[in-house]
C-alpha atoms as a PDB file:
ATOM      1  CA  MET A   1       0.000   0.000   0.000  1.00  0.00           C
ATOM      2  CA  ASN A   2       1.363   3.403  -0.905  1.00  0.00           C
ATOM      3  CA  GLU A   3       0.467   6.866   0.361  1.00  0.00           C
ATOM      4  CA  GLU A   4      -1.477   7.802  -2.791  1.00  0.00           C
ATOM      5  CA  ARG A   5      -3.775   4.795  -2.419  1.00  0.00           C
ATOM      6  CA  TRP A   6      -4.259   5.597   1.292  1.00  0.00           C
ATOM      7  CA  LYS A   7      -5.327   9.147   0.400  1.00  0.00           C
ATOM      8  CA  GLU A   8      -7.877   7.760  -2.087  1.00  0.00           C
ATOM      9  CA  ILE A   9      -9.316   5.376   0.517  1.00  0.00           C
ATOM     10  CA  LYS A  10      -9.404   8.126   3.145  1.00  0.00           C
ATOM     11  CA  LEU A  11     -11.209  10.501   0.784  1.00  0.00           C
ATOM     12  CA  GLN A  12     -13.738   7.805  -0.143  1.00  0.00           C
ATOM     13  CA  ILE A  13     -14.452   7.061   3.543  1.00  0.00           C
ATOM     14  CA  LYS A  14     -14.854  10.757   4.351  1.00  0.00           C
ATOM     15  CA  SER A  15     -17.230  11.345   1.435  1.00  0.00           C
ATOM     16  CA  THR A  16     -19.486   8.314   1.968  1.00  0.00           C
ATOM     17  CA  LEU A  17     -19.430   7.520   5.706  1.00  0.00           C
ATOM     18  CA  GLU A  18     -19.789   9.338   9.035  1.00  0.00           C
ATOM     19  CA  VAL A  19     -16.261  10.072  10.354  1.00  0.00           C
ATOM     20  CA  GLU A  20     -16.028  10.234  14.150  1.00  0.00           C
ATOM     21  CA  ASP A  21     -12.324  10.978  14.672  1.00  0.00           C
ATOM     22  CA  GLU A  22      -9.089  11.476  12.745  1.00  0.00           C
ATOM     23  CA  TYR A  23      -5.642  11.581  14.355  1.00  0.00           C
ATOM     24  CA  THR A  24      -1.988  10.543  14.132  1.00  0.00           C
ATOM     25  CA  GLU A  25      -0.678   7.886  16.501  1.00  0.00           C
ATOM     26  CA  GLU A  26       3.007   7.624  17.414  1.00  0.00           C
ATOM     27  CA  LEU A  27       4.430   4.097  17.268  1.00  0.00           C
ATOM     28  CA  ASP A  28       7.793   2.728  18.364  1.00  0.00           C
ATOM     29  CA  PRO A  29       9.150   3.084  15.678  1.00  0.00           C
ATOM     30  CA  GLY A  30       6.999   4.858  13.131  1.00  0.00           C
ATOM     31  CA  GLU A  31       3.582   6.447  13.069  1.00  0.00           C
ATOM     32  CA  ALA A  32       0.011   5.656  12.072  1.00  0.00           C
ATOM     33  CA  ASP A  33      -2.598   7.866  10.426  1.00  0.00           C
ATOM     34  CA  VAL A  34      -5.904   6.786  12.020  1.00  0.00           C
ATOM     35  CA  LEU A  35      -9.480   7.315  10.862  1.00  0.00           C
ATOM     36  CA  GLU A  36     -12.457   6.209  13.013  1.00  0.00           C
ATOM     37  CA  PHE A  37     -15.880   6.026  11.381  1.00  0.00           C
ATOM     38  CA  VAL A  38     -19.262   4.332  11.432  1.00  0.00           C
ATOM     39  CA  GLY A  39     -19.276   1.765   8.637  1.00  0.00           C
ATOM     40  CA  PRO A  40     -21.671  -0.888   7.360  1.00  0.00           C
ATOM     41  CA  SER A  41     -20.722  -3.272  10.187  1.00  0.00           C
ATOM     42  CA  GLY A  42     -20.744  -0.668  12.978  1.00  0.00           C
ATOM     43  CA  LYS A  43     -17.928   1.403  14.445  1.00  0.00           C
ATOM     44  CA  MET A  44     -14.664   0.844  12.552  1.00  0.00           C
ATOM     45  CA  LYS A  45     -11.106   2.146  12.477  1.00  0.00           C
ATOM     46  CA  VAL A  46      -8.499   2.118   9.698  1.00  0.00           C
ATOM     47  CA  LYS A  47      -4.807   2.756  10.273  1.00  0.00           C
ATOM     48  CA  PHE A  48      -2.172   3.579   7.667  1.00  0.00           C
ATOM     49  CA  VAL A  49       1.024   2.461   9.407  1.00  0.00           C
ATOM     50  CA  THR A  50       4.412   3.739   8.210  1.00  0.00           C
ATOM     51  CA  ARG A  51       7.558   2.296   9.808  1.00  0.00           C
ATOM     52  CA  PRO A  52      11.249   2.080   8.991  1.00  0.00           C
ATOM     53  CA  LYS A  53      12.137  -1.142   7.168  1.00  0.00           C
ATOM     54  CA  PHE A  54      13.145  -3.953   9.562  1.00  0.00           C
ATOM     55  CA  LEU A  55      16.656  -5.196   8.786  1.00  0.00           C
ATOM     56  CA  ASP A  56      17.902  -7.389  11.630  1.00  0.00           C
ATOM     57  CA  LYS A  57      17.303  -8.629  15.166  1.00  0.00           C
ATOM     58  CA  LYS A  58      20.257  -8.994  17.539  1.00  0.00           C
ATOM     59  CA  THR A  59      19.856 -11.070  20.678  1.00  0.00           C
ATOM     60  CA  THR A  60      22.234 -10.609  23.603  1.00  0.00           C
ATOM     61  CA  TYR A  61      22.154 -13.104  26.444  1.00  0.00           C
ATOM     62  CA  SER A  62      24.291 -14.521  29.204  1.00  0.00           C
ATOM     63  CA  GLY A  63      24.982 -18.171  29.946  1.00  0.00           C
ATOM     64  CA  ARG A  64      24.022 -17.676  33.589  1.00  0.00           C
ATOM     65  CA  ALA A  65      20.798 -19.064  34.971  1.00  0.00           C
ATOM     66  CA  ALA A  66      17.956 -16.542  35.391  1.00  0.00           C
ATOM     67  CA  ALA A  67      19.857 -13.941  33.375  1.00  0.00           C
ATOM     68  CA  GLY A  68      17.796 -11.727  31.115  1.00  0.00           C
ATOM     69  CA  VAL A  69      17.771 -11.652  27.349  1.00  0.00           C
ATOM     70  CA  LYS A  70      18.093  -8.366  25.470  1.00  0.00           C
ATOM     71  CA  VAL A  71      16.752  -8.024  21.926  1.00  0.00           C
ATOM     72  CA  ASP A  72      17.837  -5.101  19.749  1.00  0.00           C
ATOM     73  CA  TYR A  73      16.036  -4.422  16.475  1.00  0.00           C
ATOM     74  CA  VAL A  74      17.886  -2.795  13.582  1.00  0.00           C
ATOM     75  CA  TYR A  75      15.867  -0.581  11.211  1.00  0.00           C
ATOM     76  CA  SER A  76      16.780   1.123   7.952  1.00  0.00           C
ATOM     77  CA  GLU A  77      17.438   4.851   8.153  1.00  0.00           C
ATOM     78  CA  ASP A  78      16.245   5.649   4.620  1.00  0.00           C
ATOM     79  CA  GLU A  79      13.695   2.946   3.673  1.00  0.00           C
ATOM     80  CA  VAL A  80      10.124   2.774   4.987  1.00  0.00           C
ATOM     81  CA  VAL A  81       7.316   0.247   4.666  1.00  0.00           C
ATOM     82  CA  SER A  82       3.592   0.961   4.871  1.00  0.00           C
ATOM     83  CA  HIS A  83       0.456  -1.092   5.319  1.00  0.00           C
ATOM     84  CA  MET A  84      -3.186  -0.631   6.251  1.00  0.00           C
ATOM     85  CA  GLU A  85      -4.913  -2.211   9.241  1.00  0.00           C
ATOM     86  CA  VAL A  86      -8.694  -2.400   9.716  1.00  0.00           C
ATOM     87  CA  TYR A  87     -10.353  -2.730  13.133  1.00  0.00           C
ATOM     88  CA  ASN A  88     -13.935  -3.348  14.198  1.00  0.00           C
ATOM     89  CA  TRP A  89     -15.326  -2.204  17.578  1.00  0.00           C
ATOM     90  CA  LEU A  90     -16.763  -5.053  19.642  1.00  0.00           C
ATOM     91  CA  ASP A  91     -19.144  -4.071  22.434  1.00  0.00           C
ATOM     92  CA  THR A  92     -18.822  -7.511  24.048  1.00  0.00           C
ATOM     93  CA  ILE A  93     -15.134  -6.967  24.874  1.00  0.00           C
ATOM     94  CA  ASP A  94     -15.338  -3.158  24.817  1.00  0.00           C
ATOM     95  CA  ASN A  95     -12.258  -2.932  22.596  1.00  0.00           C
ATOM     96  CA  TRP A  96     -11.031  -2.906  18.989  1.00  0.00           C
ATOM     97  CA  GLN A  97     -10.520  -6.213  17.186  1.00  0.00           C
ATOM     98  CA  LYS A  98      -8.277  -6.406  14.149  1.00  0.00           C
ATOM     99  CA  MET A  99     -10.064  -7.721  11.067  1.00  0.00           C
ATOM    100  CA  GLU A 100      -8.297 -10.331   8.978  1.00  0.00           C
ATOM    101  CA  GLY A 101      -8.303 -10.471   5.173  1.00  0.00           C
ATOM    102  CA  GLU A 102     -11.112 -13.019   4.796  1.00  0.00           C
ATOM    103  CA  SER A 103     -13.488 -11.122   7.089  1.00  0.00           C
ATOM    104  CA  LEU A 104     -13.073  -7.888   5.114  1.00  0.00           C
ATOM    105  CA  PHE A 105     -14.839  -9.359   2.086  1.00  0.00           C
END
């Protein structure tokens, strides 16, 4: 998903559905452009997540018993990746539930 396509989707949602909230969410690392609206299946939320590209994971540990493990993630400084996430509000758990690909269609 690229930013142009996200802007098209966002414009379509704003023009056809009732938008409740629009904001930017800071992630570690990256950020998400969030749009909450009332859709055909109730209250929904879409996120356009942009993060630096994941390159490597380095694990540091000790041979001692009960010693902790430290995981360092290495991200690209000039490359980013983007994707869209769709959530549905569930009153039964009073929280957002991420929708999977099959349930979107």
